Amino acid sequence: EIGISGLTVTEVKGFGRQKGHTELYRGAEYVVDFLPKIKIEIVVKTES
């Protein structure tokens, strides 16, 4: 909508302050350290 059409998208995993979370699978508890994220990369003019 603001005129930026070219971008690169990458599926990444990581964590910040939330440090992952605990899940329950078939009665067993396990820690998911890295959460799925999307990284978007764009290059724009400085004024944009």
ModelCIF file with pLDDT and N, C-alpha, C, O atoms, coordinates in Angstrom:
data_MODEL
#
_entry.id   MODEL 
#
_entity.id                         1 
_entity.type                       polymer 
_entity.pdbx_number_of_molecules   1 
#
_entity_poly.entity_id                      1 
_entity_poly.type                           'polypeptide(L)' 
_entity_poly.nstd_linkage                   no 
_entity_poly.nstd_monomer                   no 
_entity_poly.pdbx_seq_one_letter_code       EIGISGLTVTEVKGFGRQKGHTELYRGAEYVVDFLPKIKIEIVVKTES 
_entity_poly.pdbx_seq_one_letter_code_can   EIGISGLTVTEVKGFGRQKGHTELYRGAEYVVDFLPKIKIEIVVKTES 
_entity_poly.pdbx_strand_id                 A 
#
loop_
_entity_poly_seq.entity_id 
_entity_poly_seq.num 
_entity_poly_seq.mon_id 
_entity_poly_seq.hetero 
1 1  GLU n 
1 2  ILE n 
1 3  GLY n 
1 4  ILE n 
1 5  SER n 
1 6  GLY n 
1 7  LEU n 
1 8  THR n 
1 9  VAL n 
1 10 THR n 
1 11 GLU n 
1 12 VAL n 
1 13 LYS n 
1 14 GLY n 
1 15 PHE n 
1 16 GLY n 
1 17 ARG n 
1 18 GLN n 
1 19 LYS n 
1 20 GLY n 
1 21 HIS n 
1 22 THR n 
1 23 GLU n 
1 24 LEU n 
1 25 TYR n 
1 26 ARG n 
1 27 GLY n 
1 28 ALA n 
1 29 GLU n 
1 30 TYR n 
1 31 VAL n 
1 32 VAL n 
1 33 ASP n 
1 34 PHE n 
1 35 LEU n 
1 36 PRO n 
1 37 LYS n 
1 38 ILE n 
1 39 LYS n 
1 40 ILE n 
1 41 GLU n 
1 42 ILE n 
1 43 VAL n 
1 44 VAL n 
1 45 LYS n 
1 46 THR n 
1 47 GLU n 
1 48 SER n 
#
_struct_asym.id          A 
_struct_asym.entity_id   1 
#
loop_
_ma_qa_metric.id 
_ma_qa_metric.mode 
_ma_qa_metric.name 
_ma_qa_metric.software_group_id 
_ma_qa_metric.type 
1 global pLDDT . pLDDT 
2 local  pLDDT . pLDDT 
#
_ma_qa_metric_global.metric_id      1 
_ma_qa_metric_global.metric_value   84.31 
_ma_qa_metric_global.model_id       1 
_ma_qa_metric_global.ordinal_id     1 
#
loop_
_ma_qa_metric_local.label_asym_id 
_ma_qa_metric_local.label_comp_id 
_ma_qa_metric_local.label_seq_id 
_ma_qa_metric_local.metric_id 
_ma_qa_metric_local.metric_value 
_ma_qa_metric_local.model_id 
_ma_qa_metric_local.ordinal_id 
A GLU 1  2 96.00 1 1  
A ILE 2  2 96.00 1 2  
A GLY 3  2 95.00 1 3  
A ILE 4  2 94.00 1 4  
A SER 5  2 86.00 1 5  
A GLY 6  2 91.00 1 6  
A LEU 7  2 95.00 1 7  
A THR 8  2 97.00 1 8  
A VAL 9  2 98.00 1 9  
A THR 10 2 98.00 1 10 
A GLU 11 2 97.00 1 11 
A VAL 12 2 96.00 1 12 
A LYS 13 2 90.00 1 13 
A GLY 14 2 85.00 1 14 
A PHE 15 2 79.00 1 15 
A GLY 16 2 79.00 1 16 
A ARG 17 2 72.00 1 17 
A GLN 18 2 65.00 1 18 
A LYS 19 2 65.00 1 19 
A GLY 20 2 60.00 1 20 
A HIS 21 2 62.00 1 21 
A THR 22 2 66.00 1 22 
A GLU 23 2 63.00 1 23 
A LEU 24 2 68.00 1 24 
A TYR 25 2 69.00 1 25 
A ARG 26 2 74.00 1 26 
A GLY 27 2 75.00 1 27 
A ALA 28 2 75.00 1 28 
A GLU 29 2 70.00 1 29 
A TYR 30 2 68.00 1 30 
A VAL 31 2 71.00 1 31 
A VAL 32 2 70.00 1 32 
A ASP 33 2 75.00 1 33 
A PHE 34 2 81.00 1 34 
A LEU 35 2 85.00 1 35 
A PRO 36 2 90.00 1 36 
A LYS 37 2 94.00 1 37 
A ILE 38 2 97.00 1 38 
A LYS 39 2 98.00 1 39 
A ILE 40 2 98.00 1 40 
A GLU 41 2 98.00 1 41 
A ILE 42 2 97.00 1 42 
A VAL 43 2 96.00 1 43 
A VAL 44 2 95.00 1 44 
A LYS 45 2 94.00 1 45 
A THR 46 2 94.00 1 46 
A GLU 47 2 95.00 1 47 
A SER 48 2 95.00 1 48 
#
loop_
_atom_site.group_PDB 
_atom_site.id 
_atom_site.type_symbol 
_atom_site.label_atom_id 
_atom_site.label_alt_id 
_atom_site.label_comp_id 
_atom_site.label_asym_id 
_atom_site.label_entity_id 
_atom_site.label_seq_id 
_atom_site.pdbx_PDB_ins_code 
_atom_site.Cartn_x 
_atom_site.Cartn_y 
_atom_site.Cartn_z 
_atom_site.occupancy 
_atom_site.B_iso_or_equiv 
_atom_site.pdbx_formal_charge 
_atom_site.auth_seq_id 
_atom_site.auth_comp_id 
_atom_site.auth_asym_id 
_atom_site.auth_atom_id 
_atom_site.pdbx_PDB_model_num 
ATOM 1   N N  . GLU A 1 1  ? 0.809  -1.223  0.000  1.00 96.00 ? 1  GLU A N  1 
ATOM 2   C CA . GLU A 1 1  ? 0.000  0.000   0.000  1.00 96.00 ? 1  GLU A CA 1 
ATOM 3   C C  . GLU A 1 1  ? 0.838  1.267   0.000  1.00 96.00 ? 1  GLU A C  1 
ATOM 4   O O  . GLU A 1 1  ? 0.385  2.307   -0.478 1.00 96.00 ? 1  GLU A O  1 
ATOM 5   N N  . ILE A 1 2  ? 2.066  1.197   0.534  1.00 96.00 ? 2  ILE A N  1 
ATOM 6   C CA . ILE A 1 2  ? 2.928  2.392   0.526  1.00 96.00 ? 2  ILE A CA 1 
ATOM 7   C C  . ILE A 1 2  ? 3.941  2.346   -0.620 1.00 96.00 ? 2  ILE A C  1 
ATOM 8   O O  . ILE A 1 2  ? 4.870  3.151   -0.660 1.00 96.00 ? 2  ILE A O  1 
ATOM 9   N N  . GLY A 1 3  ? 3.761  1.406   -1.548 1.00 95.00 ? 3  GLY A N  1 
ATOM 10  C CA . GLY A 1 3  ? 4.578  1.380   -2.755 1.00 95.00 ? 3  GLY A CA 1 
ATOM 11  C C  . GLY A 1 3  ? 5.820  0.514   -2.702 1.00 95.00 ? 3  GLY A C  1 
ATOM 12  O O  . GLY A 1 3  ? 6.672  0.603   -3.586 1.00 95.00 ? 3  GLY A O  1 
ATOM 13  N N  . ILE A 1 4  ? 5.939  -0.317  -1.689 1.00 94.00 ? 4  ILE A N  1 
ATOM 14  C CA . ILE A 1 4  ? 7.087  -1.221  -1.599 1.00 94.00 ? 4  ILE A CA 1 
ATOM 15  C C  . ILE A 1 4  ? 6.640  -2.586  -2.089 1.00 94.00 ? 4  ILE A C  1 
ATOM 16  O O  . ILE A 1 4  ? 5.792  -3.231  -1.472 1.00 94.00 ? 4  ILE A O  1 
ATOM 17  N N  . SER A 1 5  ? 7.218  -3.025  -3.209 1.00 86.00 ? 5  SER A N  1 
ATOM 18  C CA . SER A 1 5  ? 6.743  -4.264  -3.815 1.00 86.00 ? 5  SER A CA 1 
ATOM 19  C C  . SER A 1 5  ? 7.743  -5.407  -3.712 1.00 86.00 ? 5  SER A C  1 
ATOM 20  O O  . SER A 1 5  ? 7.337  -6.568  -3.663 1.00 86.00 ? 5  SER A O  1 
ATOM 21  N N  . GLY A 1 6  ? 9.031  -5.113  -3.678 1.00 91.00 ? 6  GLY A N  1 
ATOM 22  C CA . GLY A 1 6  ? 10.021 -6.179  -3.645 1.00 91.00 ? 6  GLY A CA 1 
ATOM 23  C C  . GLY A 1 6  ? 10.422 -6.513  -2.228 1.00 91.00 ? 6  GLY A C  1 
ATOM 24  O O  . GLY A 1 6  ? 10.783 -5.629  -1.450 1.00 91.00 ? 6  GLY A O  1 
ATOM 25  N N  . LEU A 1 7  ? 10.358 -7.796  -1.890 1.00 95.00 ? 7  LEU A N  1 
ATOM 26  C CA . LEU A 1 7  ? 10.810 -8.211  -0.567 1.00 95.00 ? 7  LEU A CA 1 
ATOM 27  C C  . LEU A 1 7  ? 11.253 -9.661  -0.607 1.00 95.00 ? 7  LEU A C  1 
ATOM 28  O O  . LEU A 1 7  ? 10.875 -10.425 -1.495 1.00 95.00 ? 7  LEU A O  1 
ATOM 29  N N  . THR A 1 8  ? 12.060 -10.020 0.371  1.00 97.00 ? 8  THR A N  1 
ATOM 30  C CA . THR A 1 8  ? 12.523 -11.393 0.521  1.00 97.00 ? 8  THR A CA 1 
ATOM 31  C C  . THR A 1 8  ? 11.985 -11.914 1.835  1.00 97.00 ? 8  THR A C  1 
ATOM 32  O O  . THR A 1 8  ? 12.042 -11.222 2.852  1.00 97.00 ? 8  THR A O  1 
ATOM 33  N N  . VAL A 1 9  ? 11.464 -13.127 1.823  1.00 98.00 ? 9  VAL A N  1 
ATOM 34  C CA . VAL A 1 9  ? 10.883 -13.733 3.019  1.00 98.00 ? 9  VAL A CA 1 
ATOM 35  C C  . VAL A 1 9  ? 11.622 -15.034 3.313  1.00 98.00 ? 9  VAL A C  1 
ATOM 36  O O  . VAL A 1 9  ? 11.847 -15.854 2.423  1.00 98.00 ? 9  VAL A O  1 
ATOM 37  N N  . THR A 1 10 ? 11.995 -15.204 4.576  1.00 98.00 ? 10 THR A N  1 
ATOM 38  C CA . THR A 1 10 ? 12.703 -16.399 5.013  1.00 98.00 ? 10 THR A CA 1 
ATOM 39  C C  . THR A 1 10 ? 12.022 -16.947 6.257  1.00 98.00 ? 10 THR A C  1 
ATOM 40  O O  . THR A 1 10 ? 11.663 -16.192 7.160  1.00 98.00 ? 10 THR A O  1 
ATOM 41  N N  . GLU A 1 11 ? 11.846 -18.262 6.301  1.00 97.00 ? 11 GLU A N  1 
ATOM 42  C CA . GLU A 1 11 ? 11.345 -18.897 7.523  1.00 97.00 ? 11 GLU A CA 1 
ATOM 43  C C  . GLU A 1 11 ? 12.528 -19.091 8.450  1.00 97.00 ? 11 GLU A C  1 
ATOM 44  O O  . GLU A 1 11 ? 13.513 -19.731 8.081  1.00 97.00 ? 11 GLU A O  1 
ATOM 45  N N  . VAL A 1 12 ? 12.438 -18.545 9.649  1.00 96.00 ? 12 VAL A N  1 
ATOM 46  C CA . VAL A 1 12 ? 13.531 -18.628 10.614 1.00 96.00 ? 12 VAL A CA 1 
ATOM 47  C C  . VAL A 1 12 ? 12.990 -19.130 11.952 1.00 96.00 ? 12 VAL A C  1 
ATOM 48  O O  . VAL A 1 12 ? 11.779 -19.214 12.153 1.00 96.00 ? 12 VAL A O  1 
ATOM 49  N N  . LYS A 1 13 ? 13.897 -19.458 12.850 1.00 90.00 ? 13 LYS A N  1 
ATOM 50  C CA . LYS A 1 13 ? 13.522 -19.835 14.208 1.00 90.00 ? 13 LYS A CA 1 
ATOM 51  C C  . LYS A 1 13 ? 14.373 -19.023 15.165 1.00 90.00 ? 13 LYS A C  1 
ATOM 52  O O  . LYS A 1 13 ? 15.531 -18.724 14.873 1.00 90.00 ? 13 LYS A O  1 
ATOM 53  N N  . GLY A 1 14 ? 13.806 -18.668 16.302 1.00 85.00 ? 14 GLY A N  1 
ATOM 54  C CA . GLY A 1 14 ? 14.567 -17.915 17.267 1.00 85.00 ? 14 GLY A CA 1 
ATOM 55  C C  . GLY A 1 14 ? 13.765 -17.656 18.518 1.00 85.00 ? 14 GLY A C  1 
ATOM 56  O O  . GLY A 1 14 ? 12.632 -18.117 18.661 1.00 85.00 ? 14 GLY A O  1 
ATOM 57  N N  . PHE A 1 15 ? 14.376 -16.904 19.431 1.00 79.00 ? 15 PHE A N  1 
ATOM 58  C CA . PHE A 1 15 ? 13.670 -16.497 20.632 1.00 79.00 ? 15 PHE A CA 1 
ATOM 59  C C  . PHE A 1 15 ? 14.288 -15.214 21.146 1.00 79.00 ? 15 PHE A C  1 
ATOM 60  O O  . PHE A 1 15 ? 15.450 -14.904 20.883 1.00 79.00 ? 15 PHE A O  1 
ATOM 61  N N  . GLY A 1 16 ? 13.482 -14.482 21.882 1.00 79.00 ? 16 GLY A N  1 
ATOM 62  C CA . GLY A 1 16 ? 13.935 -13.254 22.514 1.00 79.00 ? 16 GLY A CA 1 
ATOM 63  C C  . GLY A 1 16 ? 13.673 -13.363 23.995 1.00 79.00 ? 16 GLY A C  1 
ATOM 64  O O  . GLY A 1 16 ? 14.105 -14.315 24.645 1.00 79.00 ? 16 GLY A O  1 
ATOM 65  N N  . ARG A 1 17 ? 12.972 -12.399 24.524 1.00 72.00 ? 17 ARG A N  1 
ATOM 66  C CA . ARG A 1 17 ? 12.670 -12.391 25.953 1.00 72.00 ? 17 ARG A CA 1 
ATOM 67  C C  . ARG A 1 17 ? 11.796 -13.556 26.383 1.00 72.00 ? 17 ARG A C  1 
ATOM 68  O O  . ARG A 1 17 ? 11.875 -14.011 27.524 1.00 72.00 ? 17 ARG A O  1 
ATOM 69  N N  . GLN A 1 18 ? 10.950 -14.046 25.458 1.00 65.00 ? 18 GLN A N  1 
ATOM 70  C CA . GLN A 1 18 ? 10.036 -15.106 25.846 1.00 65.00 ? 18 GLN A CA 1 
ATOM 71  C C  . GLN A 1 18 ? 10.737 -16.442 26.060 1.00 65.00 ? 18 GLN A C  1 
ATOM 72  O O  . GLN A 1 18 ? 10.173 -17.333 26.695 1.00 65.00 ? 18 GLN A O  1 
ATOM 73  N N  . LYS A 1 19 ? 11.931 -16.598 25.556 1.00 65.00 ? 19 LYS A N  1 
ATOM 74  C CA . LYS A 1 19 ? 12.775 -17.775 25.762 1.00 65.00 ? 19 LYS A CA 1 
ATOM 75  C C  . LYS A 1 19 ? 12.071 -19.099 25.471 1.00 65.00 ? 19 LYS A C  1 
ATOM 76  O O  . LYS A 1 19 ? 12.291 -20.076 26.187 1.00 65.00 ? 19 LYS A O  1 
ATOM 77  N N  . GLY A 1 20 ? 11.244 -19.153 24.456 1.00 60.00 ? 20 GLY A N  1 
ATOM 78  C CA . GLY A 1 20 ? 10.548 -20.390 24.104 1.00 60.00 ? 20 GLY A CA 1 
ATOM 79  C C  . GLY A 1 20 ? 9.388  -20.647 25.045 1.00 60.00 ? 20 GLY A C  1 
ATOM 80  O O  . GLY A 1 20 ? 8.972  -19.762 25.793 1.00 60.00 ? 20 GLY A O  1 
ATOM 81  N N  . HIS A 1 21 ? 8.873  -21.857 25.002 1.00 62.00 ? 21 HIS A N  1 
ATOM 82  C CA . HIS A 1 21 ? 7.761  -22.222 25.879 1.00 62.00 ? 21 HIS A CA 1 
ATOM 83  C C  . HIS A 1 21 ? 7.717  -23.738 26.056 1.00 62.00 ? 21 HIS A C  1 
ATOM 84  O O  . HIS A 1 21 ? 8.425  -24.476 25.370 1.00 62.00 ? 21 HIS A O  1 
ATOM 85  N N  . THR A 1 22 ? 6.884  -24.186 26.975 1.00 66.00 ? 22 THR A N  1 
ATOM 86  C CA . THR A 1 22 ? 6.737  -25.613 27.263 1.00 66.00 ? 22 THR A CA 1 
ATOM 87  C C  . THR A 1 22 ? 5.452  -26.118 26.608 1.00 66.00 ? 22 THR A C  1 
ATOM 88  O O  . THR A 1 22 ? 4.414  -25.460 26.679 1.00 66.00 ? 22 THR A O  1 
ATOM 89  N N  . GLU A 1 23 ? 5.525  -27.281 25.974 1.00 63.00 ? 23 GLU A N  1 
ATOM 90  C CA . GLU A 1 23 ? 4.355  -27.894 25.357 1.00 63.00 ? 23 GLU A CA 1 
ATOM 91  C C  . GLU A 1 23 ? 4.166  -29.302 25.893 1.00 63.00 ? 23 GLU A C  1 
ATOM 92  O O  . GLU A 1 23 ? 5.091  -29.913 26.429 1.00 63.00 ? 23 GLU A O  1 
ATOM 93  N N  . LEU A 1 24 ? 2.963  -29.796 25.738 1.00 68.00 ? 24 LEU A N  1 
ATOM 94  C CA . LEU A 1 24 ? 2.626  -31.152 26.156 1.00 68.00 ? 24 LEU A CA 1 
ATOM 95  C C  . LEU A 1 24 ? 2.324  -31.973 24.907 1.00 68.00 ? 24 LEU A C  1 
ATOM 96  O O  . LEU A 1 24 ? 1.470  -31.582 24.112 1.00 68.00 ? 24 LEU A O  1 
ATOM 97  N N  . TYR A 1 25 ? 3.007  -33.103 24.715 1.00 69.00 ? 25 TYR A N  1 
ATOM 98  C CA . TYR A 1 25 ? 2.785  -33.953 23.555 1.00 69.00 ? 25 TYR A CA 1 
ATOM 99  C C  . TYR A 1 25 ? 2.697  -35.396 24.032 1.00 69.00 ? 25 TYR A C  1 
ATOM 100 O O  . TYR A 1 25 ? 3.658  -35.937 24.580 1.00 69.00 ? 25 TYR A O  1 
ATOM 101 N N  . ARG A 1 26 ? 1.537  -36.019 23.821 1.00 74.00 ? 26 ARG A N  1 
ATOM 102 C CA . ARG A 1 26 ? 1.294  -37.407 24.238 1.00 74.00 ? 26 ARG A CA 1 
ATOM 103 C C  . ARG A 1 26 ? 1.663  -37.623 25.709 1.00 74.00 ? 26 ARG A C  1 
ATOM 104 O O  . ARG A 1 26 ? 2.270  -38.630 26.072 1.00 74.00 ? 26 ARG A O  1 
ATOM 105 N N  . GLY A 1 27 ? 1.288  -36.674 26.525 1.00 75.00 ? 27 GLY A N  1 
ATOM 106 C CA . GLY A 1 27 ? 1.512  -36.802 27.960 1.00 75.00 ? 27 GLY A CA 1 
ATOM 107 C C  . GLY A 1 27 ? 2.897  -36.413 28.426 1.00 75.00 ? 27 GLY A C  1 
ATOM 108 O O  . GLY A 1 27 ? 3.149  -36.366 29.630 1.00 75.00 ? 27 GLY A O  1 
ATOM 109 N N  . ALA A 1 28 ? 3.804  -36.133 27.499 1.00 75.00 ? 28 ALA A N  1 
ATOM 110 C CA . ALA A 1 28 ? 5.167  -35.754 27.883 1.00 75.00 ? 28 ALA A CA 1 
ATOM 111 C C  . ALA A 1 28 ? 5.347  -34.251 27.685 1.00 75.00 ? 28 ALA A C  1 
ATOM 112 O O  . ALA A 1 28 ? 4.928  -33.679 26.679 1.00 75.00 ? 28 ALA A O  1 
ATOM 113 N N  . GLU A 1 29 ? 5.971  -33.644 28.659 1.00 70.00 ? 29 GLU A N  1 
ATOM 114 C CA . GLU A 1 29 ? 6.221  -32.204 28.581 1.00 70.00 ? 29 GLU A CA 1 
ATOM 115 C C  . GLU A 1 29 ? 7.609  -31.975 27.979 1.00 70.00 ? 29 GLU A C  1 
ATOM 116 O O  . GLU A 1 29 ? 8.571  -32.646 28.353 1.00 70.00 ? 29 GLU A O  1 
ATOM 117 N N  . TYR A 1 30 ? 7.706  -31.034 27.055 1.00 68.00 ? 30 TYR A N  1 
ATOM 118 C CA . TYR A 1 30 ? 9.012  -30.707 26.486 1.00 68.00 ? 30 TYR A CA 1 
ATOM 119 C C  . TYR A 1 30 ? 9.086  -29.211 26.200 1.00 68.00 ? 30 TYR A C  1 
ATOM 120 O O  . TYR A 1 30 ? 8.070  -28.534 26.038 1.00 68.00 ? 30 TYR A O  1 
ATOM 121 N N  . VAL A 1 31 ? 10.311 -28.722 26.143 1.00 71.00 ? 31 VAL A N  1 
ATOM 122 C CA . VAL A 1 31 ? 10.549 -27.286 25.957 1.00 71.00 ? 31 VAL A CA 1 
ATOM 123 C C  . VAL A 1 31 ? 10.838 -27.003 24.489 1.00 71.00 ? 31 VAL A C  1 
ATOM 124 O O  . VAL A 1 31 ? 11.674 -27.659 23.869 1.00 71.00 ? 31 VAL A O  1 
ATOM 125 N N  . VAL A 1 32 ? 10.139 -26.021 23.948 1.00 70.00 ? 32 VAL A N  1 
ATOM 126 C CA . VAL A 1 32 ? 10.392 -25.548 22.590 1.00 70.00 ? 32 VAL A CA 1 
ATOM 127 C C  . VAL A 1 32 ? 11.226 -24.279 22.736 1.00 70.00 ? 32 VAL A C  1 
ATOM 128 O O  . VAL A 1 32 ? 10.696 -23.219 23.066 1.00 70.00 ? 32 VAL A O  1 
ATOM 129 N N  . ASP A 1 33 ? 12.545 -24.389 22.486 1.00 75.00 ? 33 ASP A N  1 
ATOM 130 C CA . ASP A 1 33 ? 13.445 -23.250 22.674 1.00 75.00 ? 33 ASP A CA 1 
ATOM 131 C C  . ASP A 1 33 ? 13.319 -22.231 21.546 1.00 75.00 ? 33 ASP A C  1 
ATOM 132 O O  . ASP A 1 33 ? 13.241 -21.028 21.795 1.00 75.00 ? 33 ASP A O  1 
ATOM 133 N N  . PHE A 1 34 ? 13.301 -22.709 20.330 1.00 81.00 ? 34 PHE A N  1 
ATOM 134 C CA . PHE A 1 34 ? 13.269 -21.817 19.179 1.00 81.00 ? 34 PHE A CA 1 
ATOM 135 C C  . PHE A 1 34 ? 11.868 -21.813 18.579 1.00 81.00 ? 34 PHE A C  1 
ATOM 136 O O  . PHE A 1 34 ? 11.324 -22.861 18.231 1.00 81.00 ? 34 PHE A O  1 
ATOM 137 N N  . LEU A 1 35 ? 11.300 -20.628 18.466 1.00 85.00 ? 35 LEU A N  1 
ATOM 138 C CA . LEU A 1 35 ? 9.949  -20.484 17.945 1.00 85.00 ? 35 LEU A CA 1 
ATOM 139 C C  . LEU A 1 35 ? 9.994  -20.105 16.470 1.00 85.00 ? 35 LEU A C  1 
ATOM 140 O O  . LEU A 1 35 ? 10.887 -19.368 16.055 1.00 85.00 ? 35 LEU A O  1 
ATOM 141 N N  . PRO A 1 36 ? 9.040  -20.599 15.665 1.00 90.00 ? 36 PRO A N  1 
ATOM 142 C CA . PRO A 1 36 ? 9.028  -20.246 14.245 1.00 90.00 ? 36 PRO A CA 1 
ATOM 143 C C  . PRO A 1 36 ? 8.691  -18.771 14.057 1.00 90.00 ? 36 PRO A C  1 
ATOM 144 O O  . PRO A 1 36 ? 7.764  -18.249 14.676 1.00 90.00 ? 36 PRO A O  1 
ATOM 145 N N  . LYS A 1 37 ? 9.447  -18.117 13.204 1.00 94.00 ? 37 LYS A N  1 
ATOM 146 C CA . LYS A 1 37 ? 9.240  -16.714 12.869 1.00 94.00 ? 37 LYS A CA 1 
ATOM 147 C C  . LYS A 1 37 ? 9.435  -16.547 11.364 1.00 94.00 ? 37 LYS A C  1 
ATOM 148 O O  . LYS A 1 37 ? 9.888  -17.461 10.674 1.00 94.00 ? 37 LYS A O  1 
ATOM 149 N N  . ILE A 1 38 ? 9.089  -15.376 10.879 1.00 97.00 ? 38 ILE A N  1 
ATOM 150 C CA . ILE A 1 38 ? 9.313  -15.013 9.482  1.00 97.00 ? 38 ILE A CA 1 
ATOM 151 C C  . ILE A 1 38 ? 10.222 -13.793 9.462  1.00 97.00 ? 38 ILE A C  1 
ATOM 152 O O  . ILE A 1 38 ? 9.991  -12.833 10.198 1.00 97.00 ? 38 ILE A O  1 
ATOM 153 N N  . LYS A 1 39 ? 11.257 -13.825 8.621  1.00 98.00 ? 39 LYS A N  1 
ATOM 154 C CA . LYS A 1 39 ? 12.113 -12.657 8.455  1.00 98.00 ? 39 LYS A CA 1 
ATOM 155 C C  . LYS A 1 39 ? 11.844 -12.051 7.085  1.00 98.00 ? 39 LYS A C  1 
ATOM 156 O O  . LYS A 1 39 ? 11.957 -12.721 6.059  1.00 98.00 ? 39 LYS A O  1 
ATOM 157 N N  . ILE A 1 40 ? 11.491 -10.788 7.089  1.00 98.00 ? 40 ILE A N  1 
ATOM 158 C CA . ILE A 1 40 ? 11.241 -10.039 5.858  1.00 98.00 ? 40 ILE A CA 1 
ATOM 159 C C  . ILE A 1 40 ? 12.407 -9.088  5.648  1.00 98.00 ? 40 ILE A C  1 
ATOM 160 O O  . ILE A 1 40 ? 12.814 -8.386  6.574  1.00 98.00 ? 40 ILE A O  1 
ATOM 161 N N  . GLU A 1 41 ? 12.942 -9.062  4.441  1.00 98.00 ? 41 GLU A N  1 
ATOM 162 C CA . GLU A 1 41 ? 14.030 -8.152  4.112  1.00 98.00 ? 41 GLU A CA 1 
ATOM 163 C C  . GLU A 1 41 ? 13.602 -7.268  2.946  1.00 98.00 ? 41 GLU A C  1 
ATOM 164 O O  . GLU A 1 41 ? 13.140 -7.763  1.919  1.00 98.00 ? 41 GLU A O  1 
ATOM 165 N N  . ILE A 1 42 ? 13.758 -5.957  3.112  1.00 97.00 ? 42 ILE A N  1 
ATOM 166 C CA . ILE A 1 42 ? 13.477 -5.017  2.031  1.00 97.00 ? 42 ILE A CA 1 
ATOM 167 C C  . ILE A 1 42 ? 14.580 -3.975  1.986  1.00 97.00 ? 42 ILE A C  1 
ATOM 168 O O  . ILE A 1 42 ? 15.201 -3.671  3.004  1.00 97.00 ? 42 ILE A O  1 
ATOM 169 N N  . VAL A 1 43 ? 14.818 -3.434  0.810  1.00 96.00 ? 43 VAL A N  1 
ATOM 170 C CA . VAL A 1 43 ? 15.752 -2.327  0.648  1.00 96.00 ? 43 VAL A CA 1 
ATOM 171 C C  . VAL A 1 43 ? 14.957 -1.157  0.093  1.00 96.00 ? 43 VAL A C  1 
ATOM 172 O O  . VAL A 1 43 ? 14.251 -1.287  -0.906 1.00 96.00 ? 43 VAL A O  1 
ATOM 173 N N  . VAL A 1 44 ? 15.082 -0.007  0.760  1.00 95.00 ? 44 VAL A N  1 
ATOM 174 C CA . VAL A 1 44 ? 14.298 1.170   0.389  1.00 95.00 ? 44 VAL A CA 1 
ATOM 175 C C  . VAL A 1 44 ? 15.189 2.405   0.341  1.00 95.00 ? 44 VAL A C  1 
ATOM 176 O O  . VAL A 1 44 ? 16.292 2.418   0.887  1.00 95.00 ? 44 VAL A O  1 
ATOM 177 N N  . LYS A 1 45 ? 14.688 3.435   -0.320 1.00 94.00 ? 45 LYS A N  1 
ATOM 178 C CA . LYS A 1 45 ? 15.360 4.726   -0.273 1.00 94.00 ? 45 LYS A CA 1 
ATOM 179 C C  . LYS A 1 45 ? 15.281 5.244   1.160  1.00 94.00 ? 45 LYS A C  1 
ATOM 180 O O  . LYS A 1 45 ? 14.351 4.908   1.893  1.00 94.00 ? 45 LYS A O  1 
ATOM 181 N N  . THR A 1 46 ? 16.237 6.045   1.551  1.00 94.00 ? 46 THR A N  1 
ATOM 182 C CA . THR A 1 46 ? 16.307 6.525   2.940  1.00 94.00 ? 46 THR A CA 1 
ATOM 183 C C  . THR A 1 46 ? 15.023 7.213   3.371  1.00 94.00 ? 46 THR A C  1 
ATOM 184 O O  . THR A 1 46 ? 14.597 7.049   4.515  1.00 94.00 ? 46 THR A O  1 
ATOM 185 N N  . GLU A 1 47 ? 14.396 7.978   2.485  1.00 95.00 ? 47 GLU A N  1 
ATOM 186 C CA . GLU A 1 47 ? 13.166 8.691   2.862  1.00 95.00 ? 47 GLU A CA 1 
ATOM 187 C C  . GLU A 1 47 ? 11.967 7.760   3.052  1.00 95.00 ? 47 GLU A C  1 
ATOM 188 O O  . GLU A 1 47 ? 10.946 8.177   3.597  1.00 95.00 ? 47 GLU A O  1 
ATOM 189 N N  . SER A 1 48 ? 12.078 6.513   2.612  1.00 95.00 ? 48 SER A N  1 
ATOM 190 C CA . SER A 1 48 ? 10.978 5.554   2.761  1.00 95.00 ? 48 SER A CA 1 
ATOM 191 C C  . SER A 1 48 ? 11.101 4.691   4.007  1.00 95.00 ? 48 SER A C  1 
ATOM 192 O O  . SER A 1 48 ? 10.245 3.842   4.257  1.00 95.00 ? 48 SER A O  1 
#
